[in-house]
Amino acid sequence: MFRARRHHRFDSRTPGRRTAPALAALFAALVCLVSLSSSSATARGEHRPAESLPTVVRTTGGAVRGDSAGGVRRFDGVRYGRAPVGDLRWRPPVAAAAWKGVRDTRAPGADCVQTAAAWRPAAASTDEDCLFLNVWTPAEQPFGGALPVTVFFHGGGFVNGSGTDIDPVSYVRAGGIVVTVNYRLGALGWLTLPGLDTDTGQGTSGNYGLLDQELALKWVKANAAAFGGDPSKVMVTGQSAGAESICALLASPSAAGLFQRAAMESSLRCAVNTRTTAQTAGAAFTEAADCAGTGARAVACLRAKSPVEILDAQRSAGSWRPVVDGTVLPRSPTDAFATGRFHKMPVLIGSTQNEAGAFVYEQYDLTSHPVTPAQYESAVRASYGTDAEAVLAHYPPARYSSAGQALAAVRSDSGFSCPKLAHAGALAAHSAATYVYEFRDTTAPLRSYQLVPPSFALGTQHSAELLYLWGAPALTPLSGVQRALADEMADYWQHFAETGTLSPPGLPRIAAYTAGAPTEVAFTSHGSAAVSDESAAHQCAFWSTLA
């Protein structure tokens, strides 16, 4: 059953004592009024009562058949782009061809080409025919009509992941529509070469994964209404590489008008490759693939390679992420935010309290042994060069429960929390509607792959919030208290998707963020709270002196 969103609920009021005749008269009048209002609203097509929605929906390309169970309609494996194979490999995506009849969309499409990864319970994929998306909606049309649409882009470092990495049933039951998207990964999504620059006639190459995302957003805009969504209220959200994709979408001219809200989870530094870096890495990749060169011959050679051969070469060479190509991405997101040359809209940007804990765990605890004090010092010196002495003095291991926790604190503060606040300040300087959050539930379950006991607390690690908002797999299900926090987080996200603000009734109202008056929402083990302590907690003043 559709659960009314918290900001749509109405307070009940206990009526005063009335006599039976008066109550009867009042009741009759109310019945008449409701009947007239309902008839009038129905005639205008407004405020229809909840009704079951069909499992066959007609899209712009043709009809699709999904499933409906447990209060949720689901359409999996909806094709939005043609298979990017043969001559379409390393070219901008082409919209899917229309079809006749009803296409079955009750099973996910193939994941894009990738190796297996410990953090996701899925096999490797060698199928390039992967430009599919998945749609979740409430099974009943809610009172009030069209819903905002949330489009989620998965993480995975631009080399792993798919739209099926999350299962947002709870979010959808609470009153949201969610679309998840597959986009090209690794070399197939981001390769940049001079031979590819001339191949398309545009003088640029790379960013195929970003163009896939934009094509998916065009599909959402054209088809949102058919699924009960509001095409004027599309929010893009994503985690890790998905959030970095949103950084790029905000700065990409060709993404203009495709979405109206943006929410970034753990967006690191909004990292991109320069054109020079990308082409140098691309040349190294062609060498590894036994297609030496960077011109037309190398491109033809690469197009003849199998996905397995592409993955083999990718293991030893390449750098895969969005590229500042002068066209799809004219400038880096960081520069775009600083100069105000991005799509102005409400933006929500956040992170977890101990982002780097997951990476320290994977590098040390999971594969060998916990971080030793000597390894901590060595890692800091390798990462921070001439600033290493200052970092070691500011983050002495004795202050922490272990050397692993110290290393996680250094990397979380410098690589996640402080860059996030810098992005928020830049966005706020050009757009008032910028909001910041931090996930702080230290009791959060470990991820499904974290079977080796960690040597330090991982509760608020990278990806910890995914289980709460999006139903990502974990070792244990959420407790009742954790579920209550998850519901609050969903209320904030859905209120933001609908209004562009963080003020759902019944929860702390969060003011827009500015560098001069920073306010954040903290999702803690005790619920949601308005805070203004992130900069101090993560030593951002110290890191600003090293920038």
Protein backbone atom coordinates (compact mmCIF):
# COMPACT_ATOMS: atom_id res chain seq x y z
CA MET A 1 0.00 0.00 0.00
CA PHE A 2 1.24 3.46 -0.86
CA ARG A 3 2.55 5.25 2.24
CA ALA A 4 1.83 8.97 2.23
CA ARG A 5 4.96 11.02 2.28
CA ARG A 6 5.60 12.72 5.58
CA HIS A 7 5.30 16.19 4.07
CA HIS A 8 1.86 15.28 2.67
CA ARG A 9 0.43 14.23 6.00
CA PHE A 10 -2.09 16.38 7.78
CA ASP A 11 -2.29 16.94 11.53
CA SER A 12 -5.40 15.51 13.15
CA ARG A 13 -7.45 17.74 15.39
CA THR A 14 -9.76 16.41 18.10
CA PRO A 15 -13.20 18.01 17.64
CA GLY A 16 -15.09 19.55 20.53
CA ARG A 17 -18.08 17.82 22.08
CA ARG A 18 -21.23 18.05 19.95
CA THR A 19 -24.79 16.79 20.29
CA ALA A 20 -25.87 13.77 18.21
CA PRO A 21 -28.20 15.77 15.89
CA ALA A 22 -25.51 18.35 15.27
CA LEU A 23 -22.97 15.66 14.50
CA ALA A 24 -25.40 13.93 12.14
CA ALA A 25 -26.05 17.16 10.29
CA LEU A 26 -22.35 17.91 10.11
CA PHE A 27 -21.63 14.41 8.80
CA ALA A 28 -24.28 14.70 6.08
CA ALA A 29 -22.91 18.06 5.00
CA LEU A 30 -19.38 16.70 4.87
CA VAL A 31 -20.46 13.70 2.80
CA CYS A 32 -22.18 16.00 0.35
CA LEU A 33 -19.19 18.34 0.19
CA VAL A 34 -16.71 15.52 -0.32
CA SER A 35 -18.91 13.98 -3.02
CA LEU A 36 -19.19 17.27 -4.87
CA SER A 37 -15.48 18.01 -4.49
CA SER A 38 -14.56 14.52 -5.64
CA SER A 39 -16.82 14.74 -8.69
CA SER A 40 -15.45 18.16 -9.58
CA ALA A 41 -11.86 17.04 -9.07
CA THR A 42 -12.43 13.93 -11.15
CA ALA A 43 -13.90 16.04 -13.94
CA ARG A 44 -10.77 18.20 -13.89
CA GLY A 45 -8.45 15.16 -13.62
CA GLU A 46 -7.19 16.30 -10.20
CA HIS A 47 -6.71 14.58 -6.85
CA ARG A 48 -7.86 11.16 -7.92
CA PRO A 49 -8.08 8.58 -5.13
CA ALA A 50 -5.46 5.85 -5.10
CA GLU A 51 -5.96 3.24 -7.80
CA SER A 52 -3.98 0.23 -8.96
CA LEU A 53 -1.69 1.00 -11.86
CA PRO A 54 -1.31 -1.21 -14.94
CA THR A 55 1.73 -3.39 -15.49
CA VAL A 56 1.75 -2.55 -19.20
CA VAL A 57 2.93 0.97 -19.99
CA ARG A 58 3.25 2.59 -23.41
CA THR A 59 6.57 4.43 -23.78
CA THR A 60 7.71 6.57 -26.70
CA GLY A 61 9.41 3.48 -28.17
CA GLY A 62 6.63 0.98 -27.56
CA ALA A 63 4.75 -0.85 -24.82
CA VAL A 64 6.56 -2.59 -21.93
CA ARG A 65 5.26 -5.16 -19.47
CA GLY A 66 6.50 -5.15 -15.87
CA ASP A 67 5.61 -6.73 -12.55
CA SER A 68 3.62 -5.52 -9.56
CA ALA A 69 4.14 -6.99 -6.09
CA GLY A 70 4.43 -5.79 -2.52
CA GLY A 71 3.14 -2.32 -3.33
CA VAL A 72 5.74 -1.69 -6.06
CA ARG A 73 5.61 -1.80 -9.87
CA ARG A 74 8.90 -2.73 -11.47
CA PHE A 75 10.08 -2.56 -15.09
CA ASP A 76 13.55 -4.08 -15.55
CA GLY A 77 15.76 -4.07 -18.59
CA VAL A 78 14.06 -1.25 -20.47
CA ARG A 79 16.24 -0.50 -23.49
CA TYR A 80 17.09 3.19 -23.91
CA GLY A 81 20.00 2.87 -26.35
CA ARG A 82 21.00 0.59 -29.20
CA ALA A 83 23.75 -1.93 -28.57
CA PRO A 84 27.04 0.04 -28.78
CA VAL A 85 28.83 -2.67 -30.75
CA GLY A 86 30.71 -2.88 -34.02
CA ASP A 87 30.90 0.56 -35.60
CA LEU A 88 28.92 1.98 -32.64
CA ARG A 89 31.68 1.03 -30.20
CA TRP A 90 33.33 4.27 -29.02
CA ARG A 91 30.68 6.46 -30.55
CA PRO A 92 27.93 8.54 -28.90
CA PRO A 93 24.92 6.39 -28.01
CA VAL A 94 21.99 6.04 -30.38
CA ALA A 95 18.45 5.99 -29.03
CA ALA A 96 16.74 2.60 -29.07
CA ALA A 97 14.63 1.82 -32.11
CA ALA A 98 10.87 1.66 -31.67
CA TRP A 99 9.18 -1.75 -31.52
CA LYS A 100 5.75 -3.22 -32.09
CA GLY A 101 3.77 -5.22 -29.59
CA VAL A 102 4.56 -5.45 -25.88
CA ARG A 103 8.17 -5.93 -24.82
CA ASP A 104 8.74 -7.99 -21.65
CA THR A 105 10.64 -5.98 -19.05
CA ARG A 106 10.47 -8.35 -16.10
CA ALA A 107 14.19 -9.23 -16.02
CA PRO A 108 17.23 -6.92 -15.91
CA GLY A 109 19.32 -6.33 -19.00
CA ALA A 110 23.00 -7.23 -19.11
CA ASP A 111 25.52 -5.37 -16.99
CA CYS A 112 28.03 -3.35 -18.99
CA VAL A 113 31.44 -4.92 -19.62
CA GLN A 114 33.41 -5.26 -16.37
CA THR A 115 35.41 -7.60 -14.20
CA ALA A 116 33.99 -9.01 -10.98
CA ALA A 117 34.51 -6.94 -7.83
CA ALA A 118 34.48 -8.09 -4.20
CA TRP A 119 32.13 -5.31 -3.10
CA ARG A 120 29.23 -6.27 -5.39
CA PRO A 121 27.54 -9.68 -5.46
CA ALA A 122 27.53 -10.01 -9.24
CA ALA A 123 29.59 -11.82 -11.84
CA ALA A 124 31.82 -10.25 -14.45
CA SER A 125 30.16 -9.20 -17.71
CA THR A 126 31.40 -9.33 -21.29
CA ASP A 127 28.15 -8.15 -22.88
CA GLU A 128 28.36 -4.78 -24.62
CA ASP A 129 24.61 -4.72 -25.29
CA CYS A 130 23.96 -3.09 -21.92
CA LEU A 131 22.21 0.26 -22.37
CA PHE A 132 19.23 -0.57 -20.19
CA LEU A 133 17.45 1.17 -17.36
CA ASN A 134 15.08 0.00 -14.62
CA VAL A 135 11.96 1.77 -13.33
CA TRP A 136 10.34 1.36 -9.90
CA THR A 137 7.02 3.07 -9.08
CA PRO A 138 4.37 2.69 -6.38
CA ALA A 139 1.80 0.08 -7.40
CA GLU A 140 -1.00 2.56 -6.80
CA GLN A 141 -1.45 6.07 -8.13
CA PRO A 142 -1.04 8.30 -5.07
CA PHE A 143 -3.56 10.89 -4.02
CA GLY A 144 -2.37 14.12 -5.62
CA GLY A 145 -1.15 12.85 -8.96
CA ALA A 146 2.31 12.82 -10.54
CA LEU A 147 5.38 12.04 -8.44
CA PRO A 148 8.91 13.43 -8.66
CA VAL A 149 11.34 11.07 -10.41
CA THR A 150 14.71 10.15 -8.91
CA VAL A 151 17.32 8.90 -11.41
CA PHE A 152 20.12 6.99 -9.67
CA PHE A 153 23.58 6.52 -11.22
CA HIS A 154 25.61 3.71 -9.65
CA GLY A 155 29.14 3.92 -8.30
CA GLY A 156 32.07 1.63 -8.96
CA GLY A 157 34.96 3.85 -9.97
CA PHE A 158 33.70 4.09 -13.59
CA VAL A 159 34.83 0.48 -14.12
CA ASN A 160 32.21 -1.51 -12.18
CA GLY A 161 28.55 -1.46 -11.20
CA SER A 162 25.08 -1.52 -12.70
CA GLY A 163 21.56 -0.28 -12.17
CA THR A 164 20.72 -3.47 -10.27
CA ASP A 165 23.24 -2.78 -7.50
CA ILE A 166 20.43 -1.22 -5.46
CA ASP A 167 16.87 -2.34 -4.69
CA PRO A 168 14.98 0.84 -3.71
CA VAL A 169 11.70 -0.82 -2.72
CA SER A 170 11.39 1.01 0.63
CA TYR A 171 12.08 4.38 -1.00
CA VAL A 172 9.44 3.70 -3.65
CA ARG A 173 6.85 2.52 -1.14
CA ALA A 174 7.37 5.79 0.70
CA GLY A 175 6.19 7.66 -2.37
CA GLY A 176 8.96 7.98 -4.96
CA ILE A 177 9.66 6.87 -8.51
CA VAL A 178 13.21 5.59 -9.05
CA VAL A 179 15.05 4.95 -12.31
CA THR A 180 18.47 3.26 -12.32
CA VAL A 181 20.77 3.28 -15.33
CA ASN A 182 23.52 1.18 -16.89
CA TYR A 183 26.21 3.22 -18.66
CA ARG A 184 29.41 2.18 -20.43
CA LEU A 185 32.39 1.56 -18.18
CA GLY A 186 36.18 1.44 -18.31
CA ALA A 187 37.84 1.75 -21.70
CA LEU A 188 34.52 1.26 -23.51
CA GLY A 189 33.04 4.25 -21.67
CA TRP A 190 35.91 6.72 -21.47
CA LEU A 191 38.69 6.00 -23.99
CA THR A 192 40.18 9.12 -25.60
CA LEU A 193 42.42 8.91 -28.69
CA PRO A 194 43.29 11.19 -31.63
CA GLY A 195 41.93 8.51 -33.96
CA LEU A 196 38.60 8.59 -32.16
CA ASP A 197 38.58 12.41 -32.21
CA THR A 198 38.36 12.39 -36.02
CA ASP A 199 36.18 9.28 -36.16
CA THR A 200 33.00 11.07 -35.13
CA GLY A 201 33.70 14.35 -36.92
CA GLN A 202 33.33 16.27 -33.65
CA GLY A 203 37.02 16.63 -32.89
CA THR A 204 36.62 15.03 -29.45
CA SER A 205 36.38 11.58 -27.93
CA GLY A 206 35.75 9.95 -24.58
CA ASN A 207 32.79 10.65 -22.31
CA TYR A 208 30.71 7.88 -23.90
CA GLY A 209 29.52 6.86 -20.45
CA LEU A 210 28.47 10.44 -19.73
CA LEU A 211 26.62 10.63 -23.04
CA ASP A 212 24.86 7.37 -22.13
CA GLN A 213 23.65 9.01 -18.93
CA GLU A 214 22.37 12.01 -20.86
CA LEU A 215 20.53 9.77 -23.32
CA ALA A 216 18.92 7.94 -20.39
CA LEU A 217 17.82 11.28 -18.94
CA LYS A 218 16.25 12.22 -22.28
CA TRP A 219 14.33 8.94 -22.12
CA VAL A 220 13.17 9.75 -18.57
CA LYS A 221 12.03 13.23 -19.59
CA ALA A 222 10.03 11.79 -22.49
CA ASN A 223 8.50 8.89 -20.52
CA ALA A 224 8.16 10.03 -16.89
CA ALA A 225 4.47 10.88 -17.24
CA ALA A 226 3.64 7.43 -18.63
CA PHE A 227 4.88 5.89 -15.36
CA GLY A 228 3.06 8.40 -13.13
CA GLY A 229 6.02 10.77 -12.81
CA ASP A 230 6.40 14.52 -13.20
CA PRO A 231 8.92 15.31 -15.99
CA SER A 232 9.40 18.80 -14.54
CA LYS A 233 10.65 17.31 -11.25
CA VAL A 234 13.50 14.99 -12.17
CA MET A 235 16.27 14.61 -9.62
CA VAL A 236 19.59 13.01 -10.52
CA THR A 237 21.37 11.31 -7.69
CA GLY A 238 24.24 8.89 -7.41
CA GLN A 239 26.95 7.61 -5.14
CA SER A 240 30.75 7.67 -5.53
CA ALA A 241 31.42 7.51 -9.29
CA GLY A 242 27.70 8.08 -9.76
CA ALA A 243 28.00 11.31 -7.80
CA GLU A 244 31.07 12.33 -9.78
CA SER A 245 28.98 11.74 -12.89
CA ILE A 246 26.49 14.26 -11.56
CA CYS A 247 29.31 16.76 -11.06
CA ALA A 248 30.02 16.33 -14.78
CA LEU A 249 26.33 16.50 -15.75
CA LEU A 250 25.99 19.81 -13.91
CA ALA A 251 28.87 21.17 -16.00
CA SER A 252 27.88 19.59 -19.35
CA PRO A 253 26.06 21.94 -21.76
CA SER A 254 24.34 19.00 -23.46
CA ALA A 255 22.66 18.03 -20.17
CA ALA A 256 20.78 21.35 -19.95
CA GLY A 257 17.09 20.95 -19.13
CA LEU A 258 17.28 17.20 -18.47
CA PHE A 259 16.92 17.45 -14.67
CA GLN A 260 15.87 20.01 -12.05
CA ARG A 261 17.53 18.77 -8.82
CA ALA A 262 20.87 17.11 -8.11
CA ALA A 263 21.91 15.05 -5.07
CA MET A 264 25.50 13.82 -4.81
CA GLU A 265 26.52 11.10 -2.35
CA SER A 266 30.25 10.82 -1.64
CA SER A 267 31.41 12.75 -4.68
CA LEU A 268 35.11 12.82 -3.71
CA ARG A 269 36.71 15.70 -5.65
CA CYS A 270 34.46 15.65 -8.74
CA ALA A 271 37.56 14.23 -10.42
CA VAL A 272 38.05 14.32 -14.19
CA ASN A 273 40.89 13.72 -16.61
CA THR A 274 42.40 16.49 -18.65
CA ARG A 275 42.46 15.84 -22.36
CA THR A 276 46.25 15.41 -22.29
CA THR A 277 46.13 12.94 -19.40
CA ALA A 278 43.33 10.98 -21.03
CA GLN A 279 45.08 10.73 -24.40
CA THR A 280 48.37 9.67 -22.80
CA ALA A 281 46.54 6.98 -20.84
CA GLY A 282 44.67 5.99 -24.00
CA ALA A 283 47.92 5.49 -25.89
CA ALA A 284 49.19 3.23 -23.11
CA PHE A 285 45.96 1.26 -23.35
CA THR A 286 46.35 0.69 -27.10
CA GLU A 287 49.86 -0.66 -26.43
CA ALA A 288 48.52 -3.03 -23.81
CA ALA A 289 45.85 -4.19 -26.27
CA ASP A 290 48.49 -4.89 -28.99
CA CYS A 291 47.06 -2.10 -31.14
CA ALA A 292 50.03 0.26 -30.99
CA GLY A 293 49.37 3.81 -32.15
CA THR A 294 46.62 6.36 -31.67
CA GLY A 295 45.25 6.85 -35.17
CA ALA A 296 42.70 5.18 -37.43
CA ARG A 297 44.59 1.86 -37.59
CA ALA A 298 44.69 1.61 -33.81
CA VAL A 299 40.97 2.36 -33.64
CA ALA A 300 40.16 -0.32 -36.22
CA CYS A 301 42.35 -2.79 -34.33
CA LEU A 302 40.60 -1.97 -31.04
CA ARG A 303 37.14 -2.36 -32.60
CA ALA A 304 38.12 -5.88 -33.61
CA LYS A 305 39.04 -6.84 -30.05
CA SER A 306 36.67 -8.88 -27.92
CA PRO A 307 35.36 -7.54 -24.60
CA VAL A 308 37.63 -10.02 -22.81
CA GLU A 309 40.67 -8.62 -24.63
CA ILE A 310 39.55 -5.08 -23.77
CA LEU A 311 39.31 -6.02 -20.09
CA ASP A 312 42.71 -7.71 -20.16
CA ALA A 313 44.35 -4.56 -21.55
CA GLN A 314 42.37 -2.40 -19.16
CA ARG A 315 43.92 -4.20 -16.17
CA SER A 316 47.37 -2.91 -17.01
CA ALA A 317 46.79 0.51 -18.58
CA GLY A 318 44.34 3.36 -18.81
CA SER A 319 42.60 5.97 -16.67
CA TRP A 320 38.83 5.89 -16.81
CA ARG A 321 36.64 8.82 -15.84
CA PRO A 322 35.01 11.89 -17.45
CA VAL A 323 37.31 13.91 -19.70
CA VAL A 324 37.52 17.67 -20.19
CA ASP A 325 37.11 17.43 -23.94
CA GLY A 326 36.05 21.00 -24.75
CA THR A 327 32.61 19.93 -25.99
CA VAL A 328 30.64 17.49 -23.84
CA LEU A 329 32.61 18.72 -20.84
CA PRO A 330 34.15 22.11 -21.66
CA ARG A 331 35.77 22.54 -18.24
CA SER A 332 36.22 20.60 -15.02
CA PRO A 333 33.29 20.60 -12.61
CA THR A 334 35.49 22.26 -9.98
CA ASP A 335 36.20 25.14 -12.37
CA ALA A 336 32.56 25.26 -13.46
CA PHE A 337 31.37 25.52 -9.85
CA ALA A 338 33.95 28.19 -9.00
CA THR A 339 33.05 30.36 -11.99
CA GLY A 340 29.29 29.79 -11.97
CA ARG A 341 29.23 28.06 -15.36
CA PHE A 342 27.00 25.15 -14.38
CA HIS A 343 23.29 24.37 -14.51
CA LYS A 344 21.72 26.36 -11.66
CA MET A 345 19.34 24.29 -9.54
CA PRO A 346 18.93 23.04 -5.97
CA VAL A 347 21.85 20.78 -5.08
CA LEU A 348 22.28 18.37 -2.16
CA ILE A 349 25.84 17.19 -1.55
CA GLY A 350 27.03 14.89 1.20
CA SER A 351 29.28 12.13 2.45
CA THR A 352 29.71 9.61 5.23
CA GLN A 353 31.68 10.45 8.35
CA ASN A 354 34.43 7.86 7.78
CA GLU A 355 34.50 7.54 3.99
CA ALA A 356 38.01 6.15 3.65
CA GLY A 357 37.51 3.44 6.26
CA ALA A 358 36.27 1.07 3.56
CA PHE A 359 39.34 1.61 1.39
CA VAL A 360 41.80 1.20 4.25
CA TYR A 361 39.98 -2.01 5.23
CA GLU A 362 40.14 -3.35 1.66
CA GLN A 363 43.81 -2.47 1.24
CA TYR A 364 44.99 -3.88 4.57
CA ASP A 365 42.54 -5.84 6.76
CA LEU A 366 40.83 -7.71 3.92
CA THR A 367 43.93 -8.69 1.98
CA SER A 368 46.74 -9.04 4.53
CA HIS A 369 46.69 -7.58 8.05
CA PRO A 370 45.74 -4.37 9.89
CA VAL A 371 47.75 -1.20 9.27
CA THR A 372 50.92 -0.99 11.34
CA PRO A 373 52.34 2.33 12.61
CA ALA A 374 55.18 2.00 10.11
CA GLN A 375 52.75 1.43 7.26
CA TYR A 376 50.71 4.43 8.38
CA GLU A 377 53.75 6.71 8.20
CA SER A 378 54.81 5.24 4.86
CA ALA A 379 51.34 5.71 3.37
CA VAL A 380 51.16 9.33 4.51
CA ARG A 381 54.61 10.11 3.09
CA ALA A 382 53.73 8.46 -0.22
CA SER A 383 50.47 10.43 -0.56
CA TYR A 384 51.33 13.87 0.80
CA GLY A 385 54.97 14.41 -0.17
CA THR A 386 56.38 17.63 1.26
CA ASP A 387 53.27 18.07 3.42
CA ALA A 388 53.70 14.65 5.05
CA GLU A 389 55.45 15.95 8.17
CA ALA A 390 52.64 18.41 8.84
CA VAL A 391 50.02 15.70 8.29
CA LEU A 392 51.79 13.25 10.62
CA ALA A 393 52.07 15.93 13.30
CA HIS A 394 48.41 16.89 12.95
CA TYR A 395 47.19 13.26 12.90
CA PRO A 396 49.44 11.40 15.37
CA PRO A 397 48.51 7.69 15.61
CA ALA A 398 48.39 7.95 19.40
CA ARG A 399 45.23 10.07 19.07
CA TYR A 400 43.36 7.17 17.45
CA SER A 401 42.40 3.64 18.45
CA SER A 402 44.67 2.19 15.77
CA ALA A 403 46.95 3.16 12.91
CA GLY A 404 44.20 2.06 10.53
CA GLN A 405 41.75 4.51 12.06
CA ALA A 406 44.34 7.29 11.82
CA LEU A 407 44.93 6.56 8.13
CA ALA A 408 41.18 6.46 7.48
CA ALA A 409 40.78 9.85 9.22
CA VAL A 410 43.53 11.43 7.12
CA ARG A 411 42.11 10.13 3.86
CA SER A 412 38.47 10.85 4.79
CA ASP A 413 39.16 14.45 5.75
CA SER A 414 41.47 15.33 2.86
CA GLY A 415 39.80 13.31 0.11
CA PHE A 416 36.10 13.51 0.92
CA SER A 417 34.73 15.75 3.66
CA CYS A 418 36.76 18.91 3.05
CA PRO A 419 36.51 18.80 -0.77
CA LYS A 420 32.75 18.28 -0.36
CA LEU A 421 32.45 21.44 1.74
CA ALA A 422 34.59 23.35 -0.75
CA HIS A 423 32.24 22.28 -3.56
CA ALA A 424 29.22 23.25 -1.45
CA GLY A 425 30.66 26.70 -0.81
CA ALA A 426 31.36 27.24 -4.51
CA LEU A 427 27.89 26.08 -5.53
CA ALA A 428 26.25 28.22 -2.85
CA ALA A 429 28.10 31.31 -4.04
CA HIS A 430 26.23 31.05 -7.35
CA SER A 431 23.02 29.30 -6.32
CA ALA A 432 21.34 29.81 -2.95
CA ALA A 433 19.71 26.38 -2.86
CA THR A 434 22.71 24.26 -1.82
CA TYR A 435 22.37 21.75 1.01
CA VAL A 436 24.87 19.55 2.83
CA TYR A 437 24.50 16.28 4.75
CA GLU A 438 26.71 13.79 6.59
CA PHE A 439 25.83 10.19 7.43
CA ARG A 440 26.91 9.46 11.03
CA ASP A 441 25.15 6.29 12.14
CA THR A 442 28.05 4.43 13.74
CA THR A 443 25.88 1.32 14.10
CA ALA A 444 25.41 0.91 10.34
CA PRO A 445 25.79 -2.71 9.16
CA LEU A 446 28.93 -3.82 7.37
CA ARG A 447 28.75 -4.39 3.61
CA SER A 448 28.04 -7.90 2.35
CA TYR A 449 31.68 -8.60 1.39
CA GLN A 450 33.22 -7.51 4.71
CA LEU A 451 33.48 -10.98 6.23
CA VAL A 452 36.95 -10.43 7.73
CA PRO A 453 36.49 -8.57 11.05
CA PRO A 454 37.82 -5.00 10.72
CA SER A 455 40.53 -3.73 13.06
CA PHE A 456 38.77 -0.39 13.59
CA ALA A 457 35.19 0.90 13.51
CA LEU A 458 33.71 1.01 10.00
CA GLY A 459 30.12 2.06 10.77
CA THR A 460 30.12 5.26 8.72
CA GLN A 461 32.33 4.06 5.88
CA HIS A 462 32.00 4.74 2.15
CA SER A 463 28.66 3.35 0.90
CA ALA A 464 27.22 2.88 4.41
CA GLU A 465 24.20 5.06 3.58
CA LEU A 466 23.26 3.01 0.51
CA LEU A 467 21.46 0.36 2.55
CA TYR A 468 19.39 3.05 4.29
CA LEU A 469 18.29 4.94 1.20
CA TRP A 470 18.56 2.51 -1.67
CA GLY A 471 18.51 -1.04 -0.35
CA ALA A 472 22.10 -2.06 -1.14
CA PRO A 473 23.19 -5.47 0.22
CA ALA A 474 24.71 -5.71 3.71
CA LEU A 475 25.71 -8.43 6.17
CA THR A 476 22.67 -7.82 8.36
CA PRO A 477 19.31 -6.12 7.80
CA LEU A 478 18.48 -2.79 9.40
CA SER A 479 17.22 -2.81 12.97
CA GLY A 480 14.05 -1.00 13.95
CA VAL A 481 16.01 2.08 15.02
CA GLN A 482 18.06 2.05 11.84
CA ARG A 483 14.88 1.60 9.77
CA ALA A 484 13.42 4.69 11.43
CA LEU A 485 16.51 6.67 10.40
CA ALA A 486 16.22 5.27 6.87
CA ASP A 487 12.63 6.52 6.71
CA GLU A 488 13.74 9.99 7.81
CA MET A 489 16.46 10.03 5.15
CA ALA A 490 13.93 9.02 2.49
CA ASP A 491 11.64 11.84 3.66
CA TYR A 492 14.45 14.35 3.21
CA TRP A 493 15.39 13.02 -0.26
CA GLN A 494 11.81 12.93 -1.48
CA HIS A 495 11.01 16.37 -0.08
CA PHE A 496 14.12 17.69 -1.82
CA ALA A 497 13.09 15.99 -5.08
CA GLU A 498 9.69 17.64 -4.89
CA THR A 499 10.50 21.10 -3.51
CA GLY A 500 14.24 21.66 -3.78
CA THR A 501 14.46 22.27 -0.02
CA LEU A 502 15.24 20.21 3.09
CA SER A 503 12.25 21.01 5.28
CA PRO A 504 9.94 17.99 5.52
CA PRO A 505 7.32 18.54 8.25
CA GLY A 506 8.09 16.71 11.47
CA LEU A 507 11.86 16.72 10.93
CA PRO A 508 14.56 19.34 11.57
CA ARG A 509 14.44 22.10 8.97
CA ILE A 510 17.82 22.49 7.28
CA ALA A 511 18.79 25.90 5.98
CA ALA A 512 20.64 26.35 2.71
CA TYR A 513 24.42 26.09 3.10
CA THR A 514 26.78 29.03 2.73
CA ALA A 515 30.46 29.25 3.58
CA GLY A 516 29.72 32.07 6.02
CA ALA A 517 26.82 30.30 7.73
CA PRO A 518 27.35 26.56 7.25
CA THR A 519 24.45 24.32 8.19
CA GLU A 520 24.33 20.58 7.57
CA VAL A 521 21.94 17.75 8.33
CA ALA A 522 23.55 14.89 10.26
CA PHE A 523 21.98 11.44 10.04
CA THR A 524 22.95 9.95 13.39
CA SER A 525 22.23 6.86 15.45
CA HIS A 526 19.62 8.95 17.27
CA GLY A 527 17.93 10.40 14.20
CA SER A 528 18.34 13.54 12.09
CA ALA A 529 19.82 16.75 13.45
CA ALA A 530 20.81 20.19 12.15
CA VAL A 531 24.52 20.80 12.82
CA SER A 532 27.28 23.17 11.75
CA ASP A 533 30.37 21.26 12.89
CA GLU A 534 31.64 19.38 9.83
CA SER A 535 34.49 21.73 8.95
CA ALA A 536 35.93 21.62 12.45
CA ALA A 537 35.37 17.88 12.89
CA HIS A 538 37.28 17.10 9.70
CA GLN A 539 40.14 19.56 10.22
CA CYS A 540 39.30 21.51 7.07
CA ALA A 541 41.13 24.64 8.25
CA PHE A 542 44.31 22.56 8.43
CA TRP A 543 43.81 21.09 4.97
CA SER A 544 43.12 24.50 3.47
CA THR A 545 46.63 25.59 4.49
CA LEU A 546 48.07 22.74 2.39
CA ALA A 547 45.93 23.30 -0.69
